[in-house]
């Protein structure tokens, strides 16, 4: 890997590792978000505080950091740069050094990454995510459906090879982070949005 790509990987990781859910809930006087619900730092767990505005802000900022990494990577090193920086941002969110590598599941950051890299496939995957989440009342079901949709849409819509690879790797990482949710979905014990873990 060249020095430029290594620097982009580092920058992407640092951007992705900013734990907005934790920072926002602490700033709002709600304490450590990791001590409630699922213990996750993402928007779904922030929603369990009952603060919809904070959850929406977490969602937007987690997506924005992924998008920023991709835009910087693309500007500096083209499609290879966006692949490296985008993937690093996602890994930073999932495994932030500041939180002993225990971060979020990457859905919002993944949407931001894909939105900046390939807007049409990202919008399609976001629609799938929202539709399935609303119909099932389970955020994880929406996320997993979007994981399936994103690489397929990137392929169908003729995205460049690096973007297709980014969509596939992001989907696999996000699905892997949802392993416990998948087990609960299969046995019917996955909580609905705003409830439990």
C-alpha atoms as a PDB file:
ATOM      1  CA  UNK A   1       0.000   0.000   0.000  1.00  0.00           C
ATOM      2  CA  UNK A   2       1.343   3.439  -0.915  1.00  0.00           C
ATOM      3  CA  UNK A   3       1.958   6.108   1.680  1.00  0.00           C
ATOM      4  CA  UNK A   4      -1.010   8.071   0.332  1.00  0.00           C
ATOM      5  CA  UNK A   5      -3.394   5.140   0.714  1.00  0.00           C
ATOM      6  CA  UNK A   6      -2.007   4.347   4.148  1.00  0.00           C
ATOM      7  CA  UNK A   7      -2.645   7.943   5.198  1.00  0.00           C
ATOM      8  CA  UNK A   8      -6.178   7.753   3.819  1.00  0.00           C
ATOM      9  CA  UNK A   9      -6.765   4.534   5.728  1.00  0.00           C
ATOM     10  CA  UNK A  10      -5.607   6.214   8.929  1.00  0.00           C
ATOM     11  CA  UNK A  11      -7.721   9.294   8.304  1.00  0.00           C
ATOM     12  CA  UNK A  12     -10.771   7.204   7.441  1.00  0.00           C
ATOM     13  CA  UNK A  13     -10.342   5.133  10.586  1.00  0.00           C
ATOM     14  CA  UNK A  14     -10.036   8.203  12.799  1.00  0.00           C
ATOM     15  CA  UNK A  15     -13.126   9.806  11.264  1.00  0.00           C
ATOM     16  CA  UNK A  16     -15.097   6.590  11.624  1.00  0.00           C
ATOM     17  CA  UNK A  17     -14.003   6.122  15.224  1.00  0.00           C
ATOM     18  CA  UNK A  18     -15.701   9.306  16.462  1.00  0.00           C
ATOM     19  CA  UNK A  19     -18.455   7.899  18.765  1.00  0.00           C
ATOM     20  CA  UNK A  20     -21.183  10.445  18.112  1.00  0.00           C
ATOM     21  CA  UNK A  21     -23.878   8.461  19.919  1.00  0.00           C
ATOM     22  CA  UNK A  22     -21.800   8.395  23.089  1.00  0.00           C
ATOM     23  CA  UNK A  23     -20.750  12.043  22.815  1.00  0.00           C
ATOM     24  CA  UNK A  24     -24.278  13.323  22.158  1.00  0.00           C
ATOM     25  CA  UNK A  25     -25.922  11.372  24.969  1.00  0.00           C
ATOM     26  CA  UNK A  26     -23.251  12.459  27.436  1.00  0.00           C
ATOM     27  CA  UNK A  27     -23.612  16.080  26.326  1.00  0.00           C
ATOM     28  CA  UNK A  28     -27.378  15.781  26.866  1.00  0.00           C
ATOM     29  CA  UNK A  29     -26.831  14.595  30.438  1.00  0.00           C
ATOM     30  CA  UNK A  30     -27.970  11.030  29.772  1.00  0.00           C
ATOM     31  CA  UNK A  31     -24.749   9.386  30.872  1.00  0.00           C
ATOM     32  CA  UNK A  32     -23.045   6.508  29.094  1.00  0.00           C
ATOM     33  CA  UNK A  33     -25.215   5.076  26.294  1.00  0.00           C
ATOM     34  CA  UNK A  34     -23.289   1.811  26.614  1.00  0.00           C
ATOM     35  CA  UNK A  35     -24.998   1.192  29.946  1.00  0.00           C
ATOM     36  CA  UNK A  36     -28.528   1.006  28.536  1.00  0.00           C
ATOM     37  CA  UNK A  37     -30.362  -1.209  26.070  1.00  0.00           C
ATOM     38  CA  UNK A  38     -28.020  -3.139  23.825  1.00  0.00           C
ATOM     39  CA  UNK A  39     -24.978  -1.210  25.019  1.00  0.00           C
ATOM     40  CA  UNK A  40     -24.375  -0.097  21.447  1.00  0.00           C
ATOM     41  CA  UNK A  41     -23.265   3.446  20.515  1.00  0.00           C
ATOM     42  CA  UNK A  42     -25.473   3.711  17.420  1.00  0.00           C
ATOM     43  CA  UNK A  43     -28.715   5.523  16.681  1.00  0.00           C
ATOM     44  CA  UNK A  44     -31.005   2.554  17.441  1.00  0.00           C
ATOM     45  CA  UNK A  45     -29.729   2.354  21.003  1.00  0.00           C
ATOM     46  CA  UNK A  46     -29.794   6.143  21.397  1.00  0.00           C
ATOM     47  CA  UNK A  47     -33.482   5.937  20.468  1.00  0.00           C
ATOM     48  CA  UNK A  48     -34.005   3.758  23.554  1.00  0.00           C
ATOM     49  CA  UNK A  49     -33.333   6.840  25.680  1.00  0.00           C
ATOM     50  CA  UNK A  50     -36.603   8.269  24.351  1.00  0.00           C
ATOM     51  CA  UNK A  51     -34.772  11.174  22.721  1.00  0.00           C
ATOM     52  CA  UNK A  52     -35.719  10.965  19.047  1.00  0.00           C
ATOM     53  CA  UNK A  53     -33.800  14.125  18.198  1.00  0.00           C
ATOM     54  CA  UNK A  54     -30.585  12.698  19.631  1.00  0.00           C
ATOM     55  CA  UNK A  55     -31.127   9.444  17.747  1.00  0.00           C
ATOM     56  CA  UNK A  56     -31.667  11.356  14.488  1.00  0.00           C
ATOM     57  CA  UNK A  57     -28.549  13.446  15.111  1.00  0.00           C
ATOM     58  CA  UNK A  58     -26.530  10.289  15.818  1.00  0.00           C
ATOM     59  CA  UNK A  59     -27.792   8.731  12.602  1.00  0.00           C
ATOM     60  CA  UNK A  60     -26.932  11.820  10.558  1.00  0.00           C
ATOM     61  CA  UNK A  61     -23.476  12.313  12.063  1.00  0.00           C
ATOM     62  CA  UNK A  62     -22.522   8.645  11.804  1.00  0.00           C
ATOM     63  CA  UNK A  63     -23.514   8.732   8.127  1.00  0.00           C
ATOM     64  CA  UNK A  64     -21.699  12.036   7.596  1.00  0.00           C
ATOM     65  CA  UNK A  65     -18.372  10.748   8.916  1.00  0.00           C
ATOM     66  CA  UNK A  66     -18.505   7.826   6.490  1.00  0.00           C
ATOM     67  CA  UNK A  67     -19.395  10.103   3.604  1.00  0.00           C
ATOM     68  CA  UNK A  68     -16.617  12.545   4.522  1.00  0.00           C
ATOM     69  CA  UNK A  69     -14.014   9.777   4.496  1.00  0.00           C
ATOM     70  CA  UNK A  70     -15.103   8.628   1.045  1.00  0.00           C
ATOM     71  CA  UNK A  71     -15.180  12.129  -0.419  1.00  0.00           C
ATOM     72  CA  UNK A  72     -11.690  12.870   0.902  1.00  0.00           C
ATOM     73  CA  UNK A  73     -10.387   9.521  -0.355  1.00  0.00           C
ATOM     74  CA  UNK A  74     -11.898  10.033  -3.805  1.00  0.00           C
ATOM     75  CA  UNK A  75     -10.529  13.555  -4.038  1.00  0.00           C
ATOM     76  CA  UNK A  76      -6.984  12.465  -3.201  1.00  0.00           C
ATOM     77  CA  UNK A  77      -6.698   9.024  -4.803  1.00  0.00           C
ATOM     78  CA  UNK A  78      -9.761   8.408  -6.971  1.00  0.00           C
ATOM     79  CA  UNK A  79     -11.775   5.200  -6.770  1.00  0.00           C
ATOM     80  CA  UNK A  80      -9.037   3.311  -4.935  1.00  0.00           C
ATOM     81  CA  UNK A  81      -8.890   6.117  -2.394  1.00  0.00           C
ATOM     82  CA  UNK A  82     -12.618   6.017  -1.781  1.00  0.00           C
ATOM     83  CA  UNK A  83     -12.479   2.251  -1.310  1.00  0.00           C
ATOM     84  CA  UNK A  84      -9.666   2.435   1.244  1.00  0.00           C
ATOM     85  CA  UNK A  85     -10.972   5.462   3.165  1.00  0.00           C
ATOM     86  CA  UNK A  86     -14.575   4.248   3.158  1.00  0.00           C
ATOM     87  CA  UNK A  87     -13.722   0.787   4.406  1.00  0.00           C
ATOM     88  CA  UNK A  88     -11.414   2.260   7.060  1.00  0.00           C
ATOM     89  CA  UNK A  89     -14.188   4.586   8.278  1.00  0.00           C
ATOM     90  CA  UNK A  90     -16.531   1.647   8.667  1.00  0.00           C
ATOM     91  CA  UNK A  91     -13.914  -0.310  10.597  1.00  0.00           C
ATOM     92  CA  UNK A  92     -13.235   2.754  12.745  1.00  0.00           C
ATOM     93  CA  UNK A  93     -16.902   2.960  13.705  1.00  0.00           C
ATOM     94  CA  UNK A  94     -17.095  -0.740  14.485  1.00  0.00           C
ATOM     95  CA  UNK A  95     -13.775  -0.975  16.321  1.00  0.00           C
ATOM     96  CA  UNK A  96     -12.854   2.466  17.716  1.00  0.00           C
ATOM     97  CA  UNK A  97      -9.550   2.570  19.553  1.00  0.00           C
ATOM     98  CA  UNK A  98     -11.013   5.078  22.055  1.00  0.00           C
ATOM     99  CA  UNK A  99     -13.635   2.563  23.230  1.00  0.00           C
ATOM    100  CA  UNK A 100     -11.383  -0.496  23.435  1.00  0.00           C
ATOM    101  CA  UNK A 101     -12.474  -1.508  19.938  1.00  0.00           C
ATOM    102  CA  UNK A 102     -16.113  -1.934  20.978  1.00  0.00           C
ATOM    103  CA  UNK A 103     -18.125   0.254  18.650  1.00  0.00           C
ATOM    104  CA  UNK A 104     -21.316   0.220  16.646  1.00  0.00           C
ATOM    105  CA  UNK A 105     -22.691  -2.109  14.023  1.00  0.00           C
ATOM    106  CA  UNK A 106     -21.982   0.224  11.137  1.00  0.00           C
ATOM    107  CA  UNK A 107     -25.354   0.664   9.451  1.00  0.00           C
ATOM    108  CA  UNK A 108     -25.529   4.465   9.405  1.00  0.00           C
ATOM    109  CA  UNK A 109     -21.821   4.824   8.671  1.00  0.00           C
ATOM    110  CA  UNK A 110     -22.170   2.247   5.904  1.00  0.00           C
ATOM    111  CA  UNK A 111     -25.045   4.200   4.391  1.00  0.00           C
ATOM    112  CA  UNK A 112     -22.939   7.357   4.464  1.00  0.00           C
ATOM    113  CA  UNK A 113     -19.994   5.572   2.864  1.00  0.00           C
ATOM    114  CA  UNK A 114     -22.133   4.159   0.069  1.00  0.00           C
ATOM    115  CA  UNK A 115     -24.071   7.384  -0.392  1.00  0.00           C
ATOM    116  CA  UNK A 116     -20.862   9.268  -1.135  1.00  0.00           C
ATOM    117  CA  UNK A 117     -19.419   6.470  -3.279  1.00  0.00           C
ATOM    118  CA  UNK A 118     -22.545   5.524  -5.251  1.00  0.00           C
ATOM    119  CA  UNK A 119     -25.628   7.650  -4.540  1.00  0.00           C
ATOM    120  CA  UNK A 120     -28.217   5.634  -6.482  1.00  0.00           C
ATOM    121  CA  UNK A 121     -27.385   2.209  -4.996  1.00  0.00           C
ATOM    122  CA  UNK A 122     -27.190   3.857  -1.571  1.00  0.00           C
ATOM    123  CA  UNK A 123     -30.598   5.462  -1.899  1.00  0.00           C
ATOM    124  CA  UNK A 124     -32.052   2.173  -3.065  1.00  0.00           C
ATOM    125  CA  UNK A 125     -30.524   0.332  -0.114  1.00  0.00           C
ATOM    126  CA  UNK A 126     -31.755   3.039   2.272  1.00  0.00           C
ATOM    127  CA  UNK A 127     -35.293   2.649   0.943  1.00  0.00           C
ATOM    128  CA  UNK A 128     -35.060  -1.116   1.500  1.00  0.00           C
ATOM    129  CA  UNK A 129     -33.689  -0.532   5.006  1.00  0.00           C
ATOM    130  CA  UNK A 130     -36.495   1.855   5.971  1.00  0.00           C
ATOM    131  CA  UNK A 131     -39.261  -0.191   4.373  1.00  0.00           C
ATOM    132  CA  UNK A 132     -38.250  -3.456   6.033  1.00  0.00           C
ATOM    133  CA  UNK A 133     -37.586  -1.752   9.382  1.00  0.00           C
ATOM    134  CA  UNK A 134     -40.995  -0.060   9.355  1.00  0.00           C
ATOM    135  CA  UNK A 135     -42.876  -3.164   8.240  1.00  0.00           C
ATOM    136  CA  UNK A 136     -41.106  -5.527  10.621  1.00  0.00           C
ATOM    137  CA  UNK A 137     -40.606  -2.960  13.427  1.00  0.00           C
ATOM    138  CA  UNK A 138     -37.080  -4.371  13.724  1.00  0.00           C
ATOM    139  CA  UNK A 139     -34.105  -2.199  12.838  1.00  0.00           C
ATOM    140  CA  UNK A 140     -31.814  -5.192  12.413  1.00  0.00           C
ATOM    141  CA  UNK A 141     -34.104  -6.744   9.800  1.00  0.00           C
ATOM    142  CA  UNK A 142     -33.957  -3.528   7.796  1.00  0.00           C
ATOM    143  CA  UNK A 143     -30.182  -3.354   8.098  1.00  0.00           C
ATOM    144  CA  UNK A 144     -29.715  -6.922   6.935  1.00  0.00           C
ATOM    145  CA  UNK A 145     -32.083  -6.440   3.996  1.00  0.00           C
ATOM    146  CA  UNK A 146     -30.109  -3.354   2.982  1.00  0.00           C
ATOM    147  CA  UNK A 147     -26.884  -5.381   3.223  1.00  0.00           C
ATOM    148  CA  UNK A 148     -28.254  -7.769   0.623  1.00  0.00           C
ATOM    149  CA  UNK A 149     -29.604  -4.966  -1.559  1.00  0.00           C
ATOM    150  CA  UNK A 150     -26.571  -2.650  -1.634  1.00  0.00           C
ATOM    151  CA  UNK A 151     -24.043  -4.790  -3.542  1.00  0.00           C
ATOM    152  CA  UNK A 152     -26.749  -6.085  -5.862  1.00  0.00           C
ATOM    153  CA  UNK A 153     -27.845  -2.533  -6.687  1.00  0.00           C
ATOM    154  CA  UNK A 154     -24.238  -1.435  -7.192  1.00  0.00           C
ATOM    155  CA  UNK A 155     -23.802  -4.282  -9.668  1.00  0.00           C
ATOM    156  CA  UNK A 156     -27.122  -3.731 -11.417  1.00  0.00           C
ATOM    157  CA  UNK A 157     -26.562   0.004 -11.798  1.00  0.00           C
ATOM    158  CA  UNK A 158     -23.074  -0.399 -13.241  1.00  0.00           C
ATOM    159  CA  UNK A 159     -21.010   1.081 -10.430  1.00  0.00           C
ATOM    160  CA  UNK A 160     -17.206   0.949 -10.850  1.00  0.00           C
ATOM    161  CA  UNK A 161     -15.410  -2.172  -9.624  1.00  0.00           C
ATOM    162  CA  UNK A 162     -14.022  -0.467  -6.510  1.00  0.00           C
ATOM    163  CA  UNK A 163     -17.483   0.747  -5.532  1.00  0.00           C
ATOM    164  CA  UNK A 164     -18.967  -2.711  -6.027  1.00  0.00           C
ATOM    165  CA  UNK A 165     -16.223  -4.161  -3.855  1.00  0.00           C
ATOM    166  CA  UNK A 166     -16.788  -1.503  -1.196  1.00  0.00           C
ATOM    167  CA  UNK A 167     -20.529  -2.238  -1.158  1.00  0.00           C
ATOM    168  CA  UNK A 168     -19.884  -5.977  -0.837  1.00  0.00           C
ATOM    169  CA  UNK A 169     -17.269  -5.678   1.918  1.00  0.00           C
ATOM    170  CA  UNK A 170     -19.388  -3.181   3.846  1.00  0.00           C
ATOM    171  CA  UNK A 171     -22.394  -5.493   3.608  1.00  0.00           C
ATOM    172  CA  UNK A 172     -20.389  -8.463   4.863  1.00  0.00           C
ATOM    173  CA  UNK A 173     -18.924  -6.506   7.775  1.00  0.00           C
ATOM    174  CA  UNK A 174     -22.305  -5.109   8.826  1.00  0.00           C
ATOM    175  CA  UNK A 175     -23.969  -8.516   8.551  1.00  0.00           C
ATOM    176  CA  UNK A 176     -21.190 -10.066  10.644  1.00  0.00           C
ATOM    177  CA  UNK A 177     -21.715  -7.431  13.344  1.00  0.00           C
ATOM    178  CA  UNK A 178     -25.395  -8.426  13.432  1.00  0.00           C
ATOM    179  CA  UNK A 179     -24.710 -12.100  14.209  1.00  0.00           C
ATOM    180  CA  UNK A 180     -26.575 -11.969  17.522  1.00  0.00           C
ATOM    181  CA  UNK A 181     -29.507 -10.177  15.884  1.00  0.00           C
ATOM    182  CA  UNK A 182     -29.650 -12.833  13.175  1.00  0.00           C
ATOM    183  CA  UNK A 183     -29.910 -15.555  15.800  1.00  0.00           C
ATOM    184  CA  UNK A 184     -32.707 -13.695  17.588  1.00  0.00           C
ATOM    185  CA  UNK A 185     -34.560 -13.045  14.331  1.00  0.00           C
ATOM    186  CA  UNK A 186     -34.443 -16.736  13.516  1.00  0.00           C
ATOM    187  CA  UNK A 187     -35.992 -17.719  16.845  1.00  0.00           C
ATOM    188  CA  UNK A 188     -38.405 -14.792  17.012  1.00  0.00           C
ATOM    189  CA  UNK A 189     -36.924 -13.044  20.034  1.00  0.00           C
ATOM    190  CA  UNK A 190     -35.490  -9.947  18.348  1.00  0.00           C
ATOM    191  CA  UNK A 191     -36.957  -6.857  20.067  1.00  0.00           C
ATOM    192  CA  UNK A 192     -38.929  -4.268  18.159  1.00  0.00           C
ATOM    193  CA  UNK A 193     -37.625  -0.750  17.542  1.00  0.00           C
ATOM    194  CA  UNK A 194     -37.478   1.176  20.812  1.00  0.00           C
ATOM    195  CA  UNK A 195     -37.663  -1.918  22.978  1.00  0.00           C
ATOM    196  CA  UNK A 196     -35.200  -4.103  24.858  1.00  0.00           C
ATOM    197  CA  UNK A 197     -31.871  -5.050  23.322  1.00  0.00           C
END
